[in-house]
Amino acid sequence: MENLFVIISSIAAIAFWIGLLKPTWVGMPNRKKSSLFFILVLMLTGGVKAYLYPAQPFAEELGTHNVDNDKKPVLSSNNETKNIKRFSDITTMMADFNDYPPENGAFKILSTAPLTIQLSPRITVEDLQQPEYMIEGLQRAAVYGVYRTFIHTSNDSISVVVMPLLIDAKNKKQRFMNEYTLKVTSTRAKALTLAKKYSGVSTFDNLVKTDGYQWVDSFASCCYWNMKTSSHDEFFSELIKK
């Protein structure tokens, strides 16, 4: 039956062009009536065919077809391909990300065995008037140092010394603020246990999004950005505990 509509449409299309040349050959008195008639036939046959026989989607539109239950497979977020960089050492990693530029004194290697690094977030004189925000920045740097190391390098343990670097623009001076120093020491196993407990991830790779850099929302909200929550306080207390 579907083929019948195809045949009618084909005949109507041919007759339309013939009617433009010689309308009397297709039984029409003039070109105008011939054109209107066969356009109407084409529209009617096309509309009826589309209604009775809707087009089926191509396999590419459906995705992988499951013949057993006729459902599309669902891709788990844990199986997404991630562009995670791996580095042979932490110095190369820090230079590549450049979040704590060594040339500005923001990153130092204090010891290679055991691995100990220093991160120095920049603060201003104004920041000293709001120490709670400065402390948040120090904690964030500590989390960064621990988890970036375990995600992007093969090191099994690390100590991160966080010491803010005061930038006094008015007097054109800078100095390290030893009095605000904090230190976090963690093994790979301890850091993963805490990440599982507070953000629900199962591996270090799952701490970042598919770009391989940005923190996933569950980790960012509990352990990196939202410093004024009870879950963050508990997480950081366990992380800093020796």
Protein backbone atom coordinates (compact mmCIF):
# COMPACT_ATOMS: atom_id res chain seq x y z
CA MET A 1 0.00 0.00 0.00
CA GLU A 2 2.85 2.36 0.80
CA ASN A 3 4.26 1.78 -2.68
CA LEU A 4 0.95 2.93 -4.19
CA PHE A 5 1.37 6.39 -2.69
CA VAL A 6 4.92 6.50 -4.06
CA ILE A 7 3.66 5.63 -7.54
CA ILE A 8 0.85 8.22 -7.39
CA SER A 9 3.29 10.90 -6.22
CA SER A 10 5.73 10.05 -9.01
CA ILE A 11 3.01 10.19 -11.67
CA ALA A 12 1.71 13.49 -10.28
CA ALA A 13 5.21 14.98 -10.31
CA ILE A 14 5.73 13.98 -13.95
CA ALA A 15 2.30 15.26 -14.89
CA PHE A 16 3.05 18.58 -13.15
CA TRP A 17 6.04 19.22 -15.41
CA ILE A 18 4.19 18.05 -18.52
CA GLY A 19 1.31 20.38 -17.62
CA LEU A 20 3.69 23.32 -17.52
CA LEU A 21 4.70 22.55 -21.12
CA LYS A 22 1.41 21.31 -22.59
CA PRO A 23 -1.56 21.31 -20.16
CA THR A 24 -3.90 19.67 -22.66
CA TRP A 25 -1.73 16.52 -22.61
CA VAL A 26 -2.72 15.97 -18.98
CA GLY A 27 -6.36 16.96 -19.47
CA MET A 28 -6.09 20.52 -18.13
CA PRO A 29 -7.36 23.69 -19.84
CA ASN A 30 -4.37 25.86 -18.86
CA ARG A 31 -1.03 25.86 -16.99
CA LYS A 32 -2.38 27.53 -13.84
CA LYS A 33 -5.09 24.96 -13.19
CA SER A 34 -2.72 22.14 -14.12
CA SER A 35 -0.09 23.31 -11.63
CA LEU A 36 -2.59 23.80 -8.79
CA PHE A 37 -4.19 20.40 -9.38
CA PHE A 38 -1.00 18.35 -9.38
CA ILE A 39 0.53 20.29 -6.46
CA LEU A 40 -2.62 19.47 -4.50
CA VAL A 41 -2.30 15.79 -5.46
CA LEU A 42 1.34 15.73 -4.33
CA MET A 43 0.49 17.37 -1.01
CA LEU A 44 -2.42 15.02 -0.32
CA THR A 45 -0.55 11.83 -1.19
CA GLY A 46 2.50 12.99 0.75
CA GLY A 47 0.44 13.89 3.81
CA VAL A 48 -1.55 10.65 3.81
CA LYS A 49 1.60 8.58 3.35
CA ALA A 50 3.37 10.37 6.21
CA TYR A 51 0.35 9.82 8.48
CA LEU A 52 -0.13 6.14 7.65
CA TYR A 53 3.55 5.25 7.36
CA PRO A 54 5.68 7.47 9.65
CA ALA A 55 9.40 7.40 8.97
CA GLN A 56 11.46 5.12 11.21
CA PRO A 57 14.60 6.57 12.84
CA PHE A 58 17.95 5.43 11.54
CA ALA A 59 20.20 3.22 13.61
CA GLU A 60 22.58 6.16 14.15
CA GLU A 61 19.76 8.13 15.77
CA LEU A 62 18.80 5.26 18.01
CA GLY A 63 22.32 4.49 19.17
CA THR A 64 23.35 0.93 19.97
CA HIS A 65 20.23 -1.23 19.66
CA ASN A 66 19.47 -3.81 22.34
CA VAL A 67 17.43 -6.53 20.63
CA ASP A 68 16.62 -8.25 23.93
CA ASN A 69 14.67 -5.48 25.65
CA ASP A 70 14.53 -2.76 22.94
CA LYS A 71 16.18 -0.21 25.25
CA LYS A 72 19.17 2.03 24.74
CA PRO A 73 22.19 1.28 26.89
CA VAL A 74 22.96 3.85 29.57
CA LEU A 75 26.56 5.05 29.88
CA SER A 76 27.73 5.26 33.47
CA SER A 77 29.48 8.48 34.43
CA ASN A 78 32.24 6.37 35.96
CA ASN A 79 33.06 4.99 32.51
CA GLU A 80 33.39 8.32 30.76
CA THR A 81 36.67 8.93 29.00
CA LYS A 82 38.59 11.55 30.93
CA ASN A 83 41.48 13.65 29.72
CA ILE A 84 43.56 13.27 32.88
CA LYS A 85 47.19 14.24 32.62
CA ARG A 86 49.82 12.04 34.30
CA PHE A 87 53.18 13.44 35.36
CA SER A 88 56.44 11.75 36.33
CA ASP A 89 56.99 14.17 39.21
CA ILE A 90 55.17 16.89 41.10
CA THR A 91 57.41 19.70 39.86
CA THR A 92 56.36 19.01 36.27
CA MET A 93 52.73 18.84 37.35
CA MET A 94 52.81 22.17 39.16
CA ALA A 95 54.60 23.86 36.26
CA ASP A 96 51.98 22.56 33.83
CA PHE A 97 48.94 23.63 35.86
CA ASN A 98 50.63 26.86 37.03
CA ASP A 99 48.10 27.42 39.81
CA TYR A 100 50.97 28.10 42.23
CA PRO A 101 53.77 29.56 40.05
CA PRO A 102 57.22 28.68 41.44
CA GLU A 103 58.73 31.88 40.03
CA ASN A 104 56.45 33.84 42.36
CA GLY A 105 57.42 31.77 45.37
CA ALA A 106 54.03 30.05 45.43
CA PHE A 107 55.48 26.53 45.08
CA LYS A 108 58.60 24.93 46.51
CA ILE A 109 59.96 21.44 47.00
CA LEU A 110 61.09 21.22 50.62
CA SER A 111 62.04 17.55 50.51
CA THR A 112 61.95 14.72 48.00
CA ALA A 113 62.16 11.87 50.52
CA PRO A 114 59.70 12.03 52.08
CA LEU A 115 57.98 14.23 49.54
CA THR A 116 57.21 17.61 51.13
CA ILE A 117 56.08 20.68 49.26
CA GLN A 118 55.21 24.25 50.19
CA LEU A 119 52.27 26.10 48.67
CA SER A 120 51.90 29.81 49.32
CA PRO A 121 48.62 31.44 48.38
CA ARG A 122 49.02 35.19 47.87
CA ILE A 123 47.23 37.41 50.37
CA THR A 124 46.99 41.17 50.81
CA VAL A 125 47.03 43.45 53.83
CA GLU A 126 43.24 43.68 53.49
CA ASP A 127 42.94 39.91 53.77
CA LEU A 128 44.45 40.09 57.24
CA GLN A 129 41.37 42.03 58.32
CA GLN A 130 39.24 38.99 57.43
CA PRO A 131 41.29 36.05 58.68
CA GLU A 132 38.44 33.55 58.17
CA TYR A 133 38.67 34.02 54.40
CA MET A 134 42.43 33.74 54.49
CA ILE A 135 42.18 30.45 56.42
CA GLU A 136 39.74 29.12 53.83
CA GLY A 137 42.33 29.83 51.15
CA LEU A 138 45.00 28.00 53.13
CA GLN A 139 42.80 24.94 53.58
CA ARG A 140 41.92 24.97 49.91
CA ALA A 141 45.62 25.00 49.00
CA ALA A 142 46.24 22.02 51.29
CA VAL A 143 43.45 20.01 49.68
CA TYR A 144 44.76 20.99 46.26
CA GLY A 145 48.29 19.84 47.06
CA VAL A 146 47.20 16.46 48.43
CA TYR A 147 44.62 15.47 45.85
CA ARG A 148 46.34 16.86 42.75
CA THR A 149 49.39 14.83 43.71
CA PHE A 150 47.46 11.57 43.98
CA ILE A 151 45.36 12.17 40.86
CA HIS A 152 48.18 13.21 38.53
CA THR A 153 51.31 11.49 39.88
CA SER A 154 52.22 8.07 41.27
CA ASN A 155 53.40 9.32 44.66
CA ASP A 156 52.00 7.30 47.57
CA SER A 157 52.37 9.97 50.25
CA ILE A 158 52.88 13.70 50.57
CA SER A 159 53.23 16.48 53.11
CA VAL A 160 51.88 19.88 52.12
CA VAL A 161 53.06 22.94 54.04
CA VAL A 162 50.81 25.91 53.37
CA MET A 163 52.32 29.29 54.20
CA PRO A 164 50.61 32.44 52.90
CA LEU A 165 52.66 34.99 51.01
CA LEU A 166 51.76 38.54 52.03
CA ILE A 167 51.88 41.06 49.18
CA ASP A 168 52.18 44.61 50.48
CA ALA A 169 51.58 46.62 47.30
CA LYS A 170 51.70 49.95 49.09
CA ASN A 171 55.20 49.42 50.44
CA LYS A 172 56.24 47.15 47.56
CA LYS A 173 57.19 44.33 49.90
CA GLN A 174 56.31 40.68 50.33
CA ARG A 175 56.97 38.16 53.04
CA PHE A 176 55.95 34.66 54.08
CA MET A 177 53.54 34.58 57.01
CA ASN A 178 55.02 31.82 59.19
CA GLU A 179 52.46 32.45 61.93
CA TYR A 180 49.64 31.17 59.70
CA THR A 181 51.39 28.03 58.52
CA LEU A 182 49.47 24.76 58.42
CA LYS A 183 50.71 21.31 57.43
CA VAL A 184 48.86 18.30 56.07
CA THR A 185 50.43 14.87 55.67
CA SER A 186 48.53 12.12 53.89
CA THR A 187 48.98 8.77 52.25
CA ARG A 188 47.22 7.81 49.05
CA ALA A 189 45.01 5.33 50.94
CA LYS A 190 43.97 7.86 53.58
CA ALA A 191 43.09 10.54 51.02
CA LEU A 192 40.97 8.12 48.98
CA THR A 193 39.16 6.85 52.06
CA LEU A 194 38.17 10.42 52.98
CA ALA A 195 37.12 11.23 49.40
CA LYS A 196 34.89 8.14 49.35
CA LYS A 197 33.41 9.00 52.74
CA TYR A 198 32.53 12.62 52.04
CA SER A 199 31.96 12.82 48.26
CA GLY A 200 31.04 9.25 47.33
CA VAL A 201 33.70 8.75 44.63
CA SER A 202 35.37 5.39 44.18
CA THR A 203 38.70 6.38 42.60
CA PHE A 204 40.96 9.41 42.36
CA ASP A 205 40.10 9.75 38.66
CA ASN A 206 36.47 10.25 39.61
CA LEU A 207 37.36 13.38 41.59
CA VAL A 208 37.65 15.37 38.35
CA LYS A 209 35.30 15.97 35.45
CA THR A 210 35.85 14.74 31.90
CA ASP A 211 38.24 17.64 31.21
CA GLY A 212 40.59 15.99 33.69
CA TYR A 213 40.99 19.15 35.77
CA GLN A 214 37.82 20.60 37.28
CA TRP A 215 36.64 19.02 40.51
CA VAL A 216 33.41 17.05 40.31
CA ASP A 217 30.53 18.78 42.07
CA SER A 218 30.29 16.28 44.93
CA PHE A 219 33.93 16.81 45.91
CA ALA A 220 33.95 20.56 45.29
CA SER A 221 30.89 21.11 47.47
CA CYS A 222 31.98 19.00 50.43
CA CYS A 223 35.73 19.34 50.43
CA TYR A 224 37.07 22.21 48.33
CA TRP A 225 34.84 25.26 47.87
CA ASN A 226 32.19 25.22 50.58
CA MET A 227 34.35 25.87 53.61
CA LYS A 228 31.55 26.91 55.96
CA THR A 229 29.78 23.56 56.13
CA SER A 230 29.94 20.91 58.82
CA SER A 231 30.90 18.27 56.27
CA HIS A 232 33.91 20.31 55.19
CA ASP A 233 34.98 20.87 58.79
CA GLU A 234 34.79 17.14 59.47
CA PHE A 235 36.61 16.30 56.23
CA PHE A 236 39.46 18.73 56.83
CA SER A 237 39.80 17.72 60.49
CA GLU A 238 40.32 14.12 59.42
CA LEU A 239 42.65 15.11 56.58
CA ILE A 240 44.93 17.16 58.82
CA LYS A 241 44.90 14.59 61.62
CA LYS A 242 48.20 12.73 61.92
